[in-house]
Amino acid sequence: MLGMFKSDPLKKLQKDYEKKLEQAMEASRNGDMRANAELTEEAEALREKIEQLKS
């Protein structure tokens, strides 16, 4: 019964991943290529964690 109130770690990681990609896109639009690269790298690390949890 209480299990329905537990958060899904996969959903949280997916949301964080999408947020990082959005931030990277905004940094790119603003011409900050260094921030874009860092945020993209962080997003890729999150994607790898997501893939590990799925398998």
PDB file of N, CA and C in Angstrom:
ATOM      1  N   MET A   1       0.820  -1.187   0.000  1.00  0.00           N
ATOM      2  CA  MET A   1       0.000   0.000   0.000  1.00  0.00           C
ATOM      3  C   MET A   1       0.872   1.262   0.000  1.00  0.00           C
ATOM      4  N   LEU A   2       1.893   1.276   0.834  1.00  0.00           N
ATOM      5  CA  LEU A   2       2.751   2.453   0.901  1.00  0.00           C
ATOM      6  C   LEU A   2       3.729   2.519  -0.270  1.00  0.00           C
ATOM      7  N   GLY A   3       3.845   1.432  -1.019  1.00  0.00           N
ATOM      8  CA  GLY A   3       4.750   1.394  -2.153  1.00  0.00           C
ATOM      9  C   GLY A   3       4.377   2.388  -3.237  1.00  0.00           C
ATOM     10  N   MET A   4       3.113   2.754  -3.308  1.00  0.00           N
ATOM     11  CA  MET A   4       2.701   3.679  -4.358  1.00  0.00           C
ATOM     12  C   MET A   4       3.195   5.104  -4.103  1.00  0.00           C
ATOM     13  N   PHE A   5       3.646   5.398  -2.888  1.00  0.00           N
ATOM     14  CA  PHE A   5       4.137   6.725  -2.567  1.00  0.00           C
ATOM     15  C   PHE A   5       5.646   6.856  -2.729  1.00  0.00           C
ATOM     16  N   LYS A   6       6.325   5.751  -2.998  1.00  0.00           N
ATOM     17  CA  LYS A   6       7.776   5.794  -3.200  1.00  0.00           C
ATOM     18  C   LYS A   6       8.081   6.369  -4.583  1.00  0.00           C
ATOM     19  N   SER A   7       9.110   7.187  -4.640  1.00  0.00           N
ATOM     20  CA  SER A   7       9.476   7.776  -5.926  1.00  0.00           C
ATOM     21  C   SER A   7      10.288   6.765  -6.739  1.00  0.00           C
ATOM     22  N   ASP A   8      10.138   6.861  -8.026  1.00  0.00           N
ATOM     23  CA  ASP A   8      10.852   5.995  -8.951  1.00  0.00           C
ATOM     24  C   ASP A   8      12.193   6.644  -9.295  1.00  0.00           C
ATOM     25  N   PRO A   9      13.307   6.021  -8.936  1.00  0.00           N
ATOM     26  CA  PRO A   9      14.616   6.646  -9.212  1.00  0.00           C
ATOM     27  C   PRO A   9      14.864   6.825 -10.705  1.00  0.00           C
ATOM     28  N   LEU A  10      14.303   5.955 -11.520  1.00  0.00           N
ATOM     29  CA  LEU A  10      14.484   6.061 -12.966  1.00  0.00           C
ATOM     30  C   LEU A  10      13.814   7.325 -13.498  1.00  0.00           C
ATOM     31  N   LYS A  11      12.629   7.646 -13.000  1.00  0.00           N
ATOM     32  CA  LYS A  11      11.929   8.858 -13.432  1.00  0.00           C
ATOM     33  C   LYS A  11      12.695  10.104 -13.013  1.00  0.00           C
ATOM     34  N   LYS A  12      13.252  10.081 -11.810  1.00  0.00           N
ATOM     35  CA  LYS A  12      14.020  11.234 -11.337  1.00  0.00           C
ATOM     36  C   LYS A  12      15.268  11.440 -12.190  1.00  0.00           C
ATOM     37  N   LEU A  13      15.968  10.349 -12.495  1.00  0.00           N
ATOM     38  CA  LEU A  13      17.158  10.464 -13.336  1.00  0.00           C
ATOM     39  C   LEU A  13      16.799  10.968 -14.732  1.00  0.00           C
ATOM     40  N   GLN A  14      15.688  10.487 -15.265  1.00  0.00           N
ATOM     41  CA  GLN A  14      15.247  10.919 -16.598  1.00  0.00           C
ATOM     42  C   GLN A  14      14.933  12.413 -16.606  1.00  0.00           C
ATOM     43  N   LYS A  15      14.280  12.874 -15.548  1.00  0.00           N
ATOM     44  CA  LYS A  15      13.942  14.291 -15.440  1.00  0.00           C
ATOM     45  C   LYS A  15      15.213  15.141 -15.329  1.00  0.00           C
ATOM     46  N   ASP A  16      16.171  14.676 -14.514  1.00  0.00           N
ATOM     47  CA  ASP A  16      17.448  15.388 -14.366  1.00  0.00           C
ATOM     48  C   ASP A  16      18.210  15.418 -15.691  1.00  0.00           C
ATOM     49  N   TYR A  17      18.172  14.306 -16.425  1.00  0.00           N
ATOM     50  CA  TYR A  17      18.837  14.202 -17.724  1.00  0.00           C
ATOM     51  C   TYR A  17      18.265  15.231 -18.703  1.00  0.00           C
ATOM     52  N   GLU A  18      16.945  15.285 -18.769  1.00  0.00           N
ATOM     53  CA  GLU A  18      16.297  16.226 -19.677  1.00  0.00           C
ATOM     54  C   GLU A  18      16.590  17.677 -19.282  1.00  0.00           C
ATOM     55  N   LYS A  19      16.651  17.935 -17.979  1.00  0.00           N
ATOM     56  CA  LYS A  19      16.947  19.283 -17.497  1.00  0.00           C
ATOM     57  C   LYS A  19      18.371  19.697 -17.894  1.00  0.00           C
ATOM     58  N   LYS A  20      19.328  18.777 -17.764  1.00  0.00           N
ATOM     59  CA  LYS A  20      20.718  19.071 -18.134  1.00  0.00           C
ATOM     60  C   LYS A  20      20.829  19.361 -19.631  1.00  0.00           C
ATOM     61  N   LEU A  21      20.118  18.586 -20.442  1.00  0.00           N
ATOM     62  CA  LEU A  21      20.155  18.825 -21.882  1.00  0.00           C
ATOM     63  C   LEU A  21      19.558  20.184 -22.224  1.00  0.00           C
ATOM     64  N   GLU A  22      18.494  20.547 -21.537  1.00  0.00           N
ATOM     65  CA  GLU A  22      17.865  21.854 -21.749  1.00  0.00           C
ATOM     66  C   GLU A  22      18.842  22.975 -21.371  1.00  0.00           C
ATOM     67  N   GLN A  23      19.524  22.810 -20.236  1.00  0.00           N
ATOM     68  CA  GLN A  23      20.497  23.815 -19.803  1.00  0.00           C
ATOM     69  C   GLN A  23      21.650  23.915 -20.802  1.00  0.00           C
ATOM     70  N   ALA A  24      22.084  22.774 -21.338  1.00  0.00           N
ATOM     71  CA  ALA A  24      23.169  22.767 -22.323  1.00  0.00           C
ATOM     72  C   ALA A  24      22.737  23.503 -23.590  1.00  0.00           C
ATOM     73  N   MET A  25      21.503  23.301 -24.009  1.00  0.00           N
ATOM     74  CA  MET A  25      20.999  23.975 -25.193  1.00  0.00           C
ATOM     75  C   MET A  25      20.963  25.489 -24.970  1.00  0.00           C
ATOM     76  N   GLU A  26      20.518  25.910 -23.797  1.00  0.00           N
ATOM     77  CA  GLU A  26      20.469  27.339 -23.483  1.00  0.00           C
ATOM     78  C   GLU A  26      21.883  27.937 -23.448  1.00  0.00           C
ATOM     79  N   ALA A  27      22.822  27.209 -22.894  1.00  0.00           N
ATOM     80  CA  ALA A  27      24.207  27.685 -22.844  1.00  0.00           C
ATOM     81  C   ALA A  27      24.754  27.840 -24.266  1.00  0.00           C
ATOM     82  N   SER A  28      24.418  26.887 -25.119  1.00  0.00           N
ATOM     83  CA  SER A  28      24.866  26.957 -26.505  1.00  0.00           C
ATOM     84  C   SER A  28      24.264  28.166 -27.211  1.00  0.00           C
ATOM     85  N   ARG A  29      23.004  28.415 -26.978  1.00  0.00           N
ATOM     86  CA  ARG A  29      22.342  29.572 -27.593  1.00  0.00           C
ATOM     87  C   ARG A  29      22.967  30.889 -27.132  1.00  0.00           C
ATOM     88  N   ASN A  30      23.437  30.892 -25.893  1.00  0.00           N
ATOM     89  CA  ASN A  30      24.057  32.103 -25.353  1.00  0.00           C
ATOM     90  C   ASN A  30      25.531  32.227 -25.730  1.00  0.00           C
ATOM     91  N   GLY A  31      26.051  31.233 -26.441  1.00  0.00           N
ATOM     92  CA  GLY A  31      27.431  31.281 -26.902  1.00  0.00           C
ATOM     93  C   GLY A  31      28.439  30.774 -25.887  1.00  0.00           C
ATOM     94  N   ASP A  32      27.989  30.169 -24.805  1.00  0.00           N
ATOM     95  CA  ASP A  32      28.896  29.653 -23.770  1.00  0.00           C
ATOM     96  C   ASP A  32      29.187  28.180 -24.056  1.00  0.00           C
ATOM     97  N   MET A  33      30.152  27.955 -24.919  1.00  0.00           N
ATOM     98  CA  MET A  33      30.458  26.597 -25.356  1.00  0.00           C
ATOM     99  C   MET A  33      31.074  25.744 -24.239  1.00  0.00           C
ATOM    100  N   ARG A  34      31.802  26.364 -23.338  1.00  0.00           N
ATOM    101  CA  ARG A  34      32.400  25.616 -22.232  1.00  0.00           C
ATOM    102  C   ARG A  34      31.306  25.059 -21.318  1.00  0.00           C
ATOM    103  N   ALA A  35      30.328  25.888 -20.965  1.00  0.00           N
ATOM    104  CA  ALA A  35      29.218  25.432 -20.125  1.00  0.00           C
ATOM    105  C   ALA A  35      28.407  24.377 -20.871  1.00  0.00           C
ATOM    106  N   ASN A  36      28.239  24.574 -22.175  1.00  0.00           N
ATOM    107  CA  ASN A  36      27.514  23.591 -22.984  1.00  0.00           C
ATOM    108  C   ASN A  36      28.202  22.231 -22.913  1.00  0.00           C
ATOM    109  N   ALA A  37      29.508  22.216 -23.057  1.00  0.00           N
ATOM    110  CA  ALA A  37      30.256  20.955 -23.029  1.00  0.00           C
ATOM    111  C   ALA A  37      30.159  20.288 -21.658  1.00  0.00           C
ATOM    112  N   GLU A  38      30.282  21.085 -20.598  1.00  0.00           N
ATOM    113  CA  GLU A  38      30.204  20.525 -19.248  1.00  0.00           C
ATOM    114  C   GLU A  38      28.818  19.946 -18.961  1.00  0.00           C
ATOM    115  N   LEU A  39      27.778  20.674 -19.329  1.00  0.00           N
ATOM    116  CA  LEU A  39      26.416  20.208 -19.084  1.00  0.00           C
ATOM    117  C   LEU A  39      26.088  18.977 -19.924  1.00  0.00           C
ATOM    118  N   THR A  40      26.591  18.949 -21.144  1.00  0.00           N
ATOM    119  CA  THR A  40      26.370  17.778 -21.997  1.00  0.00           C
ATOM    120  C   THR A  40      27.075  16.556 -21.413  1.00  0.00           C
ATOM    121  N   GLU A  41      28.253  16.755 -20.875  1.00  0.00           N
ATOM    122  CA  GLU A  41      28.991  15.655 -20.249  1.00  0.00           C
ATOM    123  C   GLU A  41      28.232  15.125 -19.029  1.00  0.00           C
ATOM    124  N   GLU A  42      27.694  16.040 -18.227  1.00  0.00           N
ATOM    125  CA  GLU A  42      26.904  15.626 -17.063  1.00  0.00           C
ATOM    126  C   GLU A  42      25.640  14.878 -17.498  1.00  0.00           C
ATOM    127  N   ALA A  43      25.022  15.337 -18.574  1.00  0.00           N
ATOM    128  CA  ALA A  43      23.826  14.675 -19.094  1.00  0.00           C
ATOM    129  C   ALA A  43      24.156  13.263 -19.572  1.00  0.00           C
ATOM    130  N   GLU A  44      25.282  13.114 -20.225  1.00  0.00           N
ATOM    131  CA  GLU A  44      25.684  11.786 -20.693  1.00  0.00           C
ATOM    132  C   GLU A  44      25.956  10.829 -19.534  1.00  0.00           C
ATOM    133  N   ALA A  45      26.516  11.341 -18.447  1.00  0.00           N
ATOM    134  CA  ALA A  45      26.740  10.509 -17.259  1.00  0.00           C
ATOM    135  C   ALA A  45      25.400  10.048 -16.691  1.00  0.00           C
ATOM    136  N   LEU A  46      24.421  10.941 -16.681  1.00  0.00           N
ATOM    137  CA  LEU A  46      23.083  10.560 -16.203  1.00  0.00           C
ATOM    138  C   LEU A  46      22.451   9.528 -17.127  1.00  0.00           C
ATOM    139  N   ARG A  47      22.655   9.691 -18.444  1.00  0.00           N
ATOM    140  CA  ARG A  47      22.103   8.730 -19.403  1.00  0.00           C
ATOM    141  C   ARG A  47      22.696   7.337 -19.182  1.00  0.00           C
ATOM    142  N   GLU A  48      23.977   7.286 -18.874  1.00  0.00           N
ATOM    143  CA  GLU A  48      24.619   6.000 -18.613  1.00  0.00           C
ATOM    144  C   GLU A  48      24.022   5.341 -17.365  1.00  0.00           C
ATOM    145  N   LYS A  49      23.765   6.138 -16.334  1.00  0.00           N
ATOM    146  CA  LYS A  49      23.131   5.591 -15.115  1.00  0.00           C
ATOM    147  C   LYS A  49      21.748   5.058 -15.442  1.00  0.00           C
ATOM    148  N   ILE A  50      21.005   5.785 -16.269  1.00  0.00           N
ATOM    149  CA  ILE A  50      19.665   5.352 -16.666  1.00  0.00           C
ATOM    150  C   ILE A  50      19.742   4.007 -17.379  1.00  0.00           C
ATOM    151  N   GLU A  51      20.685   3.890 -18.310  1.00  0.00           N
ATOM    152  CA  GLU A  51      20.844   2.640 -19.051  1.00  0.00           C
ATOM    153  C   GLU A  51      21.222   1.486 -18.125  1.00  0.00           C
ATOM    154  N   GLN A  52      22.036   1.754 -17.113  1.00  0.00           N
ATOM    155  CA  GLN A  52      22.421   0.713 -16.164  1.00  0.00           C
ATOM    156  C   GLN A  52      21.214   0.249 -15.344  1.00  0.00           C
ATOM    157  N   LEU A  53      20.369   1.175 -14.959  1.00  0.00           N
ATOM    158  CA  LEU A  53      19.188   0.811 -14.182  1.00  0.00           C
ATOM    159  C   LEU A  53      18.172   0.022 -15.007  1.00  0.00           C
ATOM    160  N   LYS A  54      18.100   0.330 -16.297  1.00  0.00           N
ATOM    161  CA  LYS A  54      17.157  -0.362 -17.163  1.00  0.00           C
ATOM    162  C   LYS A  54      17.565  -1.816 -17.389  1.00  0.00           C
ATOM    163  N   SER A  55      18.862  -2.080 -17.381  1.00  0.00           N
ATOM    164  CA  SER A  55      19.309  -3.459 -17.652  1.00  0.00           C
ATOM    165  C   SER A  55      19.494  -4.269 -16.404  1.00  0.00           C
TER     166      SER A  55
END
